[in-house]
C-alpha atoms as a PDB file:
ATOM      1  CA  MET A   1      76.042 106.480   8.034  1.00  0.00           C
ATOM      2  CA  ALA A   2      76.670 108.797   5.095  1.00  0.00           C
ATOM      3  CA  GLU A   3      73.906 111.251   4.216  1.00  0.00           C
ATOM      4  CA  SER A   4      73.905 109.952   0.628  1.00  0.00           C
ATOM      5  CA  SER A   5      72.645 106.572   1.903  1.00  0.00           C
ATOM      6  CA  LEU A   6      69.701 108.185   3.698  1.00  0.00           C
ATOM      7  CA  LEU A   7      66.304 108.581   2.091  1.00  0.00           C
ATOM      8  CA  LYS A   8      65.829 112.296   1.456  1.00  0.00           C
ATOM      9  CA  GLN A   9      62.518 113.871   0.451  1.00  0.00           C
ATOM     10  CA  GLN A  10      62.161 117.550  -0.435  1.00  0.00           C
ATOM     11  CA  LEU A  11      59.270 119.096   1.481  1.00  0.00           C
ATOM     12  CA  LEU A  12      59.721 122.724   0.390  1.00  0.00           C
ATOM     13  CA  THR A  13      61.387 124.197  -2.667  1.00  0.00           C
ATOM     14  CA  ALA A  14      63.159 127.557  -2.604  1.00  0.00           C
ATOM     15  CA  GLN A  15      59.936 129.279  -3.720  1.00  0.00           C
ATOM     16  CA  ASP A  16      57.967 127.410  -1.044  1.00  0.00           C
ATOM     17  CA  VAL A  17      60.422 128.639   1.606  1.00  0.00           C
ATOM     18  CA  THR A  18      59.933 132.220   0.375  1.00  0.00           C
ATOM     19  CA  ASN A  19      56.148 131.838   0.474  1.00  0.00           C
ATOM     20  CA  THR A  20      56.273 130.296   3.940  1.00  0.00           C
ATOM     21  CA  VAL A  21      58.395 133.170   5.265  1.00  0.00           C
ATOM     22  CA  ARG A  22      55.839 135.622   3.834  1.00  0.00           C
ATOM     23  CA  ARG A  23      53.043 133.664   5.531  1.00  0.00           C
ATOM     24  CA  LEU A  24      54.850 133.964   8.872  1.00  0.00           C
ATOM     25  CA  ALA A  25      55.307 137.703   8.365  1.00  0.00           C
ATOM     26  CA  PHE A  26      51.617 138.239   7.690  1.00  0.00           C
ATOM     27  CA  GLN A  27      50.586 136.079  10.665  1.00  0.00           C
ATOM     28  CA  ILE A  28      52.721 138.311  12.889  1.00  0.00           C
ATOM     29  CA  LEU A  29      51.387 141.490  11.282  1.00  0.00           C
ATOM     30  CA  GLU A  30      47.815 140.300  11.809  1.00  0.00           C
ATOM     31  CA  CYS A  31      48.446 139.877  15.559  1.00  0.00           C
ATOM     32  CA  HIS A  32      50.688 142.945  15.911  1.00  0.00           C
ATOM     33  CA  PRO A  33      49.496 145.561  13.379  1.00  0.00           C
ATOM     34  CA  MET A  34      51.483 148.286  15.167  1.00  0.00           C
ATOM     35  CA  LEU A  35      54.591 146.041  15.275  1.00  0.00           C
ATOM     36  CA  ASP A  36      54.994 146.709  18.987  1.00  0.00           C
ATOM     37  CA  VAL A  37      57.433 143.793  19.182  1.00  0.00           C
ATOM     38  CA  VAL A  38      61.136 143.015  19.055  1.00  0.00           C
ATOM     39  CA  PHE A  39      62.559 140.079  17.113  1.00  0.00           C
ATOM     40  CA  VAL A  40      65.148 137.701  18.558  1.00  0.00           C
ATOM     41  CA  GLY A  41      66.545 134.923  16.381  1.00  0.00           C
ATOM     42  CA  ILE A  42      68.187 131.788  17.750  1.00  0.00           C
ATOM     43  CA  HIS A  43      71.498 131.089  16.035  1.00  0.00           C
ATOM     44  CA  THR A  44      71.892 130.119  13.285  1.00  0.00           C
ATOM     45  CA  ARG A  45      68.849 129.672  11.071  1.00  0.00           C
ATOM     46  CA  GLY A  46      66.487 131.379  13.526  1.00  0.00           C
ATOM     47  CA  VAL A  47      68.491 134.562  13.008  1.00  0.00           C
ATOM     48  CA  VAL A  48      68.171 134.202   9.225  1.00  0.00           C
ATOM     49  CA  LEU A  49      64.439 133.547   9.547  1.00  0.00           C
ATOM     50  CA  ALA A  50      63.931 136.625  11.762  1.00  0.00           C
ATOM     51  CA  ASN A  51      65.842 138.772   9.246  1.00  0.00           C
ATOM     52  CA  ARG A  52      63.789 137.445   6.339  1.00  0.00           C
ATOM     53  CA  VAL A  53      60.473 138.031   8.125  1.00  0.00           C
ATOM     54  CA  ALA A  54      61.621 141.551   9.035  1.00  0.00           C
ATOM     55  CA  ALA A  55      62.534 142.208   5.383  1.00  0.00           C
ATOM     56  CA  VAL A  56      59.042 141.180   4.269  1.00  0.00           C
ATOM     57  CA  LEU A  57      57.481 143.436   6.895  1.00  0.00           C
ATOM     58  CA  ARG A  58      59.717 146.352   5.891  1.00  0.00           C
ATOM     59  CA  GLY A  59      58.502 145.928   2.332  1.00  0.00           C
ATOM     60  CA  GLU A  60      54.887 146.103   3.482  1.00  0.00           C
ATOM     61  CA  LEU A  61      54.904 148.665   6.266  1.00  0.00           C
ATOM     62  CA  GLU A  62      57.038 151.743   6.855  1.00  0.00           C
ATOM     63  CA  ALA A  63      56.711 151.283  10.633  1.00  0.00           C
ATOM     64  CA  ALA A  64      58.690 148.036  10.268  1.00  0.00           C
ATOM     65  CA  ASN A  65      61.832 150.036   9.460  1.00  0.00           C
ATOM     66  CA  GLY A  66      62.220 150.668  13.200  1.00  0.00           C
ATOM     67  CA  LEU A  67      61.844 146.990  14.105  1.00  0.00           C
ATOM     68  CA  GLN A  68      64.477 146.048  16.660  1.00  0.00           C
ATOM     69  CA  MET A  69      66.396 142.822  16.079  1.00  0.00           C
ATOM     70  CA  GLY A  70      68.502 140.671  18.365  1.00  0.00           C
ATOM     71  CA  THR A  71      70.384 137.377  18.202  1.00  0.00           C
ATOM     72  CA  LEU A  72      70.665 134.627  20.770  1.00  0.00           C
ATOM     73  CA  ASP A  73      73.214 131.874  21.297  1.00  0.00           C
ATOM     74  CA  ILE A  74      71.820 129.195  23.593  1.00  0.00           C
ATOM     75  CA  SER A  75      74.946 127.003  23.702  1.00  0.00           C
ATOM     76  CA  PHE A  76      75.541 127.410  27.440  1.00  0.00           C
ATOM     77  CA  HIS A  77      71.864 126.917  28.287  1.00  0.00           C
ATOM     78  CA  ARG A  78      71.509 123.517  26.580  1.00  0.00           C
ATOM     79  CA  ASP A  79      70.580 120.522  28.717  1.00  0.00           C
ATOM     80  CA  ASP A  80      72.475 118.023  26.541  1.00  0.00           C
ATOM     81  CA  LEU A  81      76.034 119.371  26.496  1.00  0.00           C
ATOM     82  CA  ASP A  82      77.310 116.215  28.173  1.00  0.00           C
ATOM     83  CA  GLN A  83      75.695 114.058  25.473  1.00  0.00           C
ATOM     84  CA  LEU A  84      77.144 115.853  22.437  1.00  0.00           C
ATOM     85  CA  LYS A  85      80.105 114.295  20.691  1.00  0.00           C
ATOM     86  CA  ASP A  86      81.148 117.712  19.296  1.00  0.00           C
ATOM     87  CA  LEU A  87      80.912 120.917  21.292  1.00  0.00           C
ATOM     88  CA  PRO A  88      78.593 123.514  19.766  1.00  0.00           C
ATOM     89  CA  ILE A  89      80.043 126.444  17.854  1.00  0.00           C
ATOM     90  CA  ILE A  90      79.675 129.535  20.005  1.00  0.00           C
ATOM     91  CA  GLU A  91      77.972 132.461  18.262  1.00  0.00           C
ATOM     92  CA  SER A  92      77.379 135.951  19.574  1.00  0.00           C
ATOM     93  CA  THR A  93      74.356 136.963  21.577  1.00  0.00           C
ATOM     94  CA  ASP A  94      73.380 140.507  20.733  1.00  0.00           C
ATOM     95  CA  ILE A  95      70.341 142.044  22.424  1.00  0.00           C
ATOM     96  CA  PRO A  96      70.815 145.774  21.689  1.00  0.00           C
ATOM     97  CA  PHE A  97      67.585 146.830  23.421  1.00  0.00           C
ATOM     98  CA  ASP A  98      65.975 146.530  26.831  1.00  0.00           C
ATOM     99  CA  LEU A  99      63.980 143.317  27.178  1.00  0.00           C
ATOM    100  CA  GLU A 100      62.271 144.499  30.353  1.00  0.00           C
ATOM    101  CA  GLY A 101      58.559 144.720  29.518  1.00  0.00           C
ATOM    102  CA  ALA A 102      59.118 144.062  25.802  1.00  0.00           C
ATOM    103  CA  ASN A 103      56.948 141.914  23.562  1.00  0.00           C
ATOM    104  CA  VAL A 104      59.434 139.439  22.101  1.00  0.00           C
ATOM    105  CA  ILE A 105      58.978 137.215  19.103  1.00  0.00           C
ATOM    106  CA  LEU A 106      61.537 134.432  19.300  1.00  0.00           C
ATOM    107  CA  PHE A 107      62.494 132.791  16.000  1.00  0.00           C
ATOM    108  CA  ASP A 108      63.748 129.271  15.345  1.00  0.00           C
ATOM    109  CA  ASP A 109      63.827 127.284  12.142  1.00  0.00           C
ATOM    110  CA  VAL A 110      62.364 123.931  13.242  1.00  0.00           C
ATOM    111  CA  ILE A 111      60.678 123.003  16.509  1.00  0.00           C
ATOM    112  CA  PHE A 112      60.894 119.388  17.598  1.00  0.00           C
ATOM    113  CA  THR A 113      61.128 118.428  21.297  1.00  0.00           C
ATOM    114  CA  GLY A 114      60.875 122.002  22.619  1.00  0.00           C
ATOM    115  CA  ARG A 115      64.199 121.801  24.442  1.00  0.00           C
ATOM    116  CA  THR A 116      65.896 124.425  22.262  1.00  0.00           C
ATOM    117  CA  ILE A 117      63.089 126.877  22.993  1.00  0.00           C
ATOM    118  CA  ARG A 118      63.263 126.158  26.729  1.00  0.00           C
ATOM    119  CA  SER A 119      66.985 126.927  26.579  1.00  0.00           C
ATOM    120  CA  ALA A 120      66.306 130.110  24.616  1.00  0.00           C
ATOM    121  CA  ILE A 121      63.744 131.319  27.147  1.00  0.00           C
ATOM    122  CA  ASP A 122      66.216 130.664  29.975  1.00  0.00           C
ATOM    123  CA  CYS A 123      68.835 132.653  28.074  1.00  0.00           C
ATOM    124  CA  LEU A 124      66.437 135.538  27.345  1.00  0.00           C
ATOM    125  CA  MET A 125      65.567 135.834  31.026  1.00  0.00           C
ATOM    126  CA  ASP A 126      69.240 136.585  31.737  1.00  0.00           C
ATOM    127  CA  PHE A 127      68.677 139.874  29.862  1.00  0.00           C
ATOM    128  CA  GLY A 128      65.456 140.983  31.546  1.00  0.00           C
ATOM    129  CA  ARG A 129      61.837 140.081  32.038  1.00  0.00           C
ATOM    130  CA  PRO A 130      59.821 140.512  28.833  1.00  0.00           C
ATOM    131  CA  ALA A 131      56.113 141.246  29.054  1.00  0.00           C
ATOM    132  CA  ARG A 132      55.478 138.411  26.618  1.00  0.00           C
ATOM    133  CA  ILE A 133      57.442 135.903  24.564  1.00  0.00           C
ATOM    134  CA  GLU A 134      55.893 134.473  21.413  1.00  0.00           C
ATOM    135  CA  LEU A 135      57.439 131.839  19.185  1.00  0.00           C
ATOM    136  CA  ALA A 136      57.696 131.816  15.386  1.00  0.00           C
ATOM    137  CA  VAL A 137      59.029 128.758  13.555  1.00  0.00           C
ATOM    138  CA  LEU A 138      59.241 127.837   9.918  1.00  0.00           C
ATOM    139  CA  VAL A 139      58.467 124.158  10.630  1.00  0.00           C
ATOM    140  CA  ASP A 140      56.697 122.405  13.495  1.00  0.00           C
ATOM    141  CA  ARG A 141      57.531 118.719  13.283  1.00  0.00           C
ATOM    142  CA  GLY A 142      55.672 117.592  16.421  1.00  0.00           C
ATOM    143  CA  ASN A 143      57.107 115.081  18.915  1.00  0.00           C
ATOM    144  CA  ARG A 144      57.242 117.576  21.805  1.00  0.00           C
ATOM    145  CA  GLU A 145      58.860 116.554  25.087  1.00  0.00           C
ATOM    146  CA  LEU A 146      58.032 119.862  26.786  1.00  0.00           C
ATOM    147  CA  PRO A 147      54.754 121.829  26.817  1.00  0.00           C
ATOM    148  CA  ILE A 148      55.955 124.447  24.317  1.00  0.00           C
ATOM    149  CA  GLN A 149      53.966 125.397  21.214  1.00  0.00           C
ATOM    150  CA  PRO A 150      54.690 127.993  18.516  1.00  0.00           C
ATOM    151  CA  ASP A 151      52.419 130.998  18.081  1.00  0.00           C
ATOM    152  CA  TYR A 152      53.328 131.359  14.394  1.00  0.00           C
ATOM    153  CA  THR A 153      54.062 128.373  12.180  1.00  0.00           C
ATOM    154  CA  GLY A 154      54.870 128.229   8.486  1.00  0.00           C
ATOM    155  CA  LEU A 155      54.450 124.471   8.036  1.00  0.00           C
ATOM    156  CA  ASN A 156      53.150 121.704  10.302  1.00  0.00           C
ATOM    157  CA  ARG A 157      54.656 118.350   9.398  1.00  0.00           C
ATOM    158  CA  VAL A 158      54.490 115.619  12.012  1.00  0.00           C
ATOM    159  CA  THR A 159      57.452 113.307  11.606  1.00  0.00           C
ATOM    160  CA  SER A 160      58.810 110.209  13.231  1.00  0.00           C
ATOM    161  CA  SER A 161      61.271 110.753  16.057  1.00  0.00           C
ATOM    162  CA  THR A 162      63.855 108.900  13.925  1.00  0.00           C
ATOM    163  CA  ASP A 163      63.469 111.360  11.042  1.00  0.00           C
ATOM    164  CA  HIS A 164      65.597 114.439  10.591  1.00  0.00           C
ATOM    165  CA  VAL A 165      64.185 117.670   9.154  1.00  0.00           C
ATOM    166  CA  GLN A 166      66.880 119.715   7.432  1.00  0.00           C
ATOM    167  CA  LEU A 167      66.226 123.339   6.540  1.00  0.00           C
ATOM    168  CA  LYS A 168      68.697 124.903   4.164  1.00  0.00           C
ATOM    169  CA  LEU A 169      68.836 128.669   3.748  1.00  0.00           C
ATOM    170  CA  SER A 170      70.946 130.452   1.185  1.00  0.00           C
ATOM    171  CA  GLU A 171      72.608 132.690   3.782  1.00  0.00           C
ATOM    172  CA  THR A 172      74.063 129.672   5.608  1.00  0.00           C
ATOM    173  CA  ASP A 173      73.836 126.767   3.166  1.00  0.00           C
ATOM    174  CA  GLY A 174      73.966 128.297  -0.306  1.00  0.00           C
ATOM    175  CA  GLU A 175      70.404 127.202  -1.181  1.00  0.00           C
ATOM    176  CA  ASP A 176      66.838 127.279   0.135  1.00  0.00           C
ATOM    177  CA  GLY A 177      64.919 124.081   0.720  1.00  0.00           C
ATOM    178  CA  LEU A 178      63.404 121.840   3.358  1.00  0.00           C
ATOM    179  CA  TYR A 179      64.190 118.139   3.412  1.00  0.00           C
ATOM    180  CA  LEU A 180      62.913 115.153   5.364  1.00  0.00           C
ATOM    181  CA  ILE A 181      65.617 112.575   5.940  1.00  0.00           C
ATOM    182  CA  ASP A 182      64.209 109.211   6.954  1.00  0.00           C
ATOM    183  CA  ARG A 183      66.894 107.385   8.908  1.00  0.00           C
ATOM    184  CA  LYS A 184      64.686 104.424   9.842  1.00  0.00           C
ATOM    185  CA  GLU A 185      63.730 103.564   6.231  1.00  0.00           C
ATOM    186  CA  ALA A 186      67.296 104.045   5.045  1.00  0.00           C
ATOM    187  CA  THR A 187      68.671 101.481   7.480  1.00  0.00           C
ATOM    188  CA  GLN A 188      66.221  98.701   6.568  1.00  0.00           C
END
């Protein structure tokens, strides 16, 4: 079914996305005023989100200039590789610091079933044993299949399991916005 035939509702404008990223940054700063954390973004939009939150923090706090950043590709840790019709695009994992004993904030764009985060945690453990892993997401859409909850959330929007939440970021998509695509309504 072509995307143009789907019902598409904009949930966040570009300015809303900017404000939501700032909200995430200040939630993290409130819990970690000394920024004794490292950021790890899950490819692709989790990396962009981590970079944007770090940029906000750098604008607010000189100590944020030393914030360590990493990227994570979970492709080989997924539990649904045999169910995908197209193989995932492999990105680079870059953890340029020691994870042993670190306080990690893991970033993803949208949390749904929790399976992506489970895969990310498995992948992180290949690099060491962090003291703590916290999760920051721009959108929590509910419908969890695993007992995984974000510590920092920009927007809570419970959706139907048939819906699709599409986050667009200018770095990857040429624009900022959050859209709810209702597949069920579009097929009736």
